[in-house]
Amino acid sequence: MRPFSKRRYHRVADLAGDVRALWRDRRQVRAVMRGEEIDAAFRERLMLAVTEVNGCRYCSYAHARAALAAGLTRTDVEALARGDLDGAPPEQVPALLYAQHWAETDGRPGTEIRERVLATYGEARTRAIEHAMRTIRIGNLTGNTWDYLLYCVSRGRWGDSRAGAARE
């Protein structure tokens, strides 16, 4: 296993693309974050599902607290932190599986899988689910990128041209 294998931004263009996508739909994103499109508990389940795949320690902590405040139990939060969906409401399981797949594919889900989610939730709700996922992706990958920079500095690898992917 590589010493630092968490998902992170490798190019500024990737971060910029995620930010542009949220900026373009900022009104809908705000509605999602206010609990208007999907309720806070559902949003936090989605965010924890994505965070579990991406492995961001900062987001894990912050969204575990937010999930508890939204009404999830400690058992629910611990299960989601392990990628376990057994305690999730059955109507949310397809979206949570989609969130895991979405994160595993760097926000590029298979067409067939997205079509199934659309058939289950409809266009507006699917977009709300995707806004929640993209929001947490930015947090996850930014946090992990920061950790990678700390990792490089702590190993004396900052500025070392050999510190790229070949030595990870």
Protein backbone atom coordinates (compact mmCIF):
# COMPACT_ATOMS: atom_id res chain seq x y z
CA MET A 1 0.00 0.00 0.00
CA ARG A 2 1.20 3.49 -0.80
CA PRO A 3 2.07 5.66 2.23
CA PHE A 4 -0.56 8.25 1.28
CA SER A 5 -3.36 6.74 -0.72
CA LYS A 6 -6.40 8.88 0.14
CA ARG A 7 -8.38 10.41 -2.70
CA ARG A 8 -7.32 14.02 -3.25
CA TYR A 9 -7.14 16.73 -5.86
CA HIS A 10 -4.19 16.18 -8.17
CA ARG A 11 -4.92 19.17 -10.40
CA VAL A 12 -6.29 22.63 -9.64
CA ALA A 13 -8.51 22.18 -12.72
CA ASP A 14 -10.35 19.32 -10.97
CA LEU A 15 -11.11 21.48 -7.93
CA ALA A 16 -12.13 24.35 -10.22
CA GLY A 17 -14.51 22.06 -12.11
CA ASP A 18 -16.23 20.98 -8.89
CA VAL A 19 -16.51 24.58 -7.68
CA ARG A 20 -17.87 25.73 -11.05
CA ALA A 21 -20.54 23.03 -10.95
CA LEU A 22 -21.71 24.13 -7.51
CA TRP A 23 -21.53 27.82 -8.41
CA ARG A 24 -23.65 27.24 -11.51
CA ASP A 25 -26.38 25.65 -9.37
CA ARG A 26 -25.78 27.71 -6.22
CA ARG A 27 -29.48 28.41 -5.54
CA GLN A 28 -30.30 24.71 -5.58
CA VAL A 29 -27.20 23.93 -3.50
CA ARG A 30 -28.30 26.46 -0.86
CA ALA A 31 -31.75 24.85 -0.82
CA VAL A 32 -30.15 21.43 -0.25
CA MET A 33 -27.98 22.78 2.55
CA ARG A 34 -31.01 24.43 4.19
CA GLY A 35 -32.89 21.12 4.12
CA GLU A 36 -35.45 22.26 1.56
CA GLU A 37 -34.75 19.70 -1.17
CA ILE A 38 -33.79 16.77 1.04
CA ASP A 39 -33.98 16.70 4.82
CA ALA A 40 -30.88 17.24 6.95
CA ALA A 41 -30.67 13.62 8.12
CA PHE A 42 -30.74 12.31 4.53
CA ARG A 43 -28.17 14.91 3.45
CA GLU A 44 -25.83 13.93 6.29
CA ARG A 45 -26.19 10.23 5.46
CA LEU A 46 -25.17 11.03 1.88
CA MET A 47 -22.25 13.11 3.07
CA LEU A 48 -21.05 10.40 5.45
CA ALA A 49 -21.34 7.77 2.69
CA VAL A 50 -19.14 9.86 0.36
CA THR A 51 -16.74 10.72 3.18
CA GLU A 52 -16.31 7.05 4.05
CA VAL A 53 -15.12 6.35 0.51
CA ASN A 54 -12.85 9.41 0.34
CA GLY A 55 -11.47 9.02 3.86
CA CYS A 56 -11.31 12.67 4.96
CA ARG A 57 -10.68 12.83 8.68
CA TYR A 58 -11.86 16.43 8.95
CA CYS A 59 -15.17 15.77 7.24
CA SER A 60 -15.70 12.51 9.14
CA TYR A 61 -15.56 14.40 12.41
CA ALA A 62 -17.60 17.43 11.30
CA HIS A 63 -20.33 15.43 9.59
CA ALA A 64 -20.61 12.88 12.37
CA ARG A 65 -21.46 15.80 14.65
CA ALA A 66 -23.83 17.29 12.05
CA ALA A 67 -25.53 13.90 11.61
CA LEU A 68 -26.09 13.57 15.35
CA ALA A 69 -27.56 17.09 15.38
CA ALA A 70 -29.84 16.08 12.48
CA GLY A 71 -31.24 13.19 14.52
CA LEU A 72 -29.13 10.20 13.53
CA THR A 73 -28.12 7.90 16.36
CA ARG A 74 -24.54 7.20 17.30
CA THR A 75 -25.05 3.65 15.98
CA ASP A 76 -26.23 5.06 12.63
CA VAL A 77 -23.19 7.33 12.38
CA GLU A 78 -20.75 4.56 13.31
CA ALA A 79 -22.31 2.23 10.72
CA LEU A 80 -22.07 4.84 7.96
CA ALA A 81 -18.45 5.51 8.94
CA ARG A 82 -17.80 1.83 8.15
CA GLY A 83 -19.75 1.95 4.89
CA ASP A 84 -22.56 -0.12 6.42
CA LEU A 85 -26.05 0.92 5.26
CA ASP A 86 -28.07 -1.61 7.30
CA GLY A 87 -29.57 1.02 9.64
CA ALA A 88 -30.49 3.48 6.89
CA PRO A 89 -34.14 4.02 5.96
CA PRO A 90 -34.94 1.62 3.08
CA GLU A 91 -36.09 4.44 0.78
CA GLN A 92 -32.65 6.08 1.14
CA VAL A 93 -30.52 2.99 0.48
CA PRO A 94 -30.50 3.37 -3.35
CA ALA A 95 -29.22 6.95 -2.97
CA LEU A 96 -26.60 5.91 -0.42
CA LEU A 97 -25.34 3.12 -2.68
CA TYR A 98 -25.26 5.66 -5.50
CA ALA A 99 -23.27 8.04 -3.25
CA GLN A 100 -20.68 5.34 -2.58
CA HIS A 101 -20.41 4.49 -6.29
CA TRP A 102 -20.31 8.18 -7.20
CA ALA A 103 -17.39 8.76 -4.82
CA GLU A 104 -15.56 5.61 -5.97
CA THR A 105 -15.77 6.82 -9.58
CA ASP A 106 -14.66 10.41 -8.80
CA GLY A 107 -18.10 11.80 -9.54
CA ARG A 108 -18.44 9.95 -12.82
CA PRO A 109 -21.09 7.29 -12.23
CA GLY A 110 -22.07 4.80 -14.86
CA THR A 111 -24.96 5.95 -17.04
CA GLU A 112 -27.07 2.90 -16.21
CA ILE A 113 -26.61 3.44 -12.48
CA ARG A 114 -27.59 7.11 -12.69
CA GLU A 115 -30.63 6.17 -14.79
CA ARG A 116 -31.77 3.81 -12.02
CA VAL A 117 -31.40 6.61 -9.45
CA LEU A 118 -33.36 8.96 -11.72
CA ALA A 119 -36.11 6.35 -12.04
CA THR A 120 -36.23 5.99 -8.25
CA TYR A 121 -36.06 9.64 -7.17
CA GLY A 122 -36.89 11.76 -10.22
CA GLU A 123 -34.81 14.54 -11.76
CA ALA A 124 -35.14 17.20 -9.04
CA ARG A 125 -34.40 14.91 -6.10
CA THR A 126 -31.51 13.23 -7.95
CA ARG A 127 -29.98 16.66 -8.61
CA ALA A 128 -30.36 17.52 -4.91
CA ILE A 129 -28.62 14.25 -3.98
CA GLU A 130 -25.80 15.04 -6.43
CA HIS A 131 -25.43 18.58 -5.06
CA ALA A 132 -24.97 17.18 -1.56
CA MET A 133 -22.41 14.69 -2.88
CA ARG A 134 -20.42 17.29 -4.82
CA THR A 135 -20.41 19.63 -1.83
CA ILE A 136 -18.87 16.98 0.42
CA ARG A 137 -16.49 15.85 -2.35
CA ILE A 138 -14.96 19.32 -2.40
CA GLY A 139 -14.52 19.22 1.37
CA ASN A 140 -13.14 15.67 1.35
CA LEU A 141 -10.64 16.14 -1.44
CA THR A 142 -9.52 19.54 -0.16
CA GLY A 143 -8.97 18.09 3.33
CA ASN A 144 -7.08 15.11 1.93
CA THR A 145 -4.99 17.38 -0.30
CA TRP A 146 -4.07 19.42 2.77
CA ASP A 147 -3.12 16.20 4.58
CA TYR A 148 -0.99 15.19 1.60
CA LEU A 149 0.87 18.51 1.75
CA LEU A 150 1.43 17.99 5.49
CA TYR A 151 2.63 14.47 4.74
CA CYS A 152 5.13 15.77 2.16
CA VAL A 153 6.43 18.47 4.50
CA SER A 154 6.76 16.02 7.41
CA ARG A 155 8.79 13.64 5.22
CA GLY A 156 11.07 16.41 3.95
CA ARG A 157 9.68 15.86 0.45
CA TRP A 158 8.40 19.38 -0.20
CA GLY A 159 9.86 20.63 -3.46
CA ASP A 160 11.53 17.29 -4.22
CA SER A 161 10.81 16.58 -7.89
CA ARG A 162 11.06 12.86 -7.13
CA ALA A 163 8.21 13.11 -4.60
CA GLY A 164 5.55 12.44 -7.24
CA ALA A 165 3.42 9.39 -7.80
CA ALA A 166 6.41 7.11 -8.38
CA ARG A 167 7.47 7.39 -4.73
CA GLU A 168 4.01 7.25 -3.13
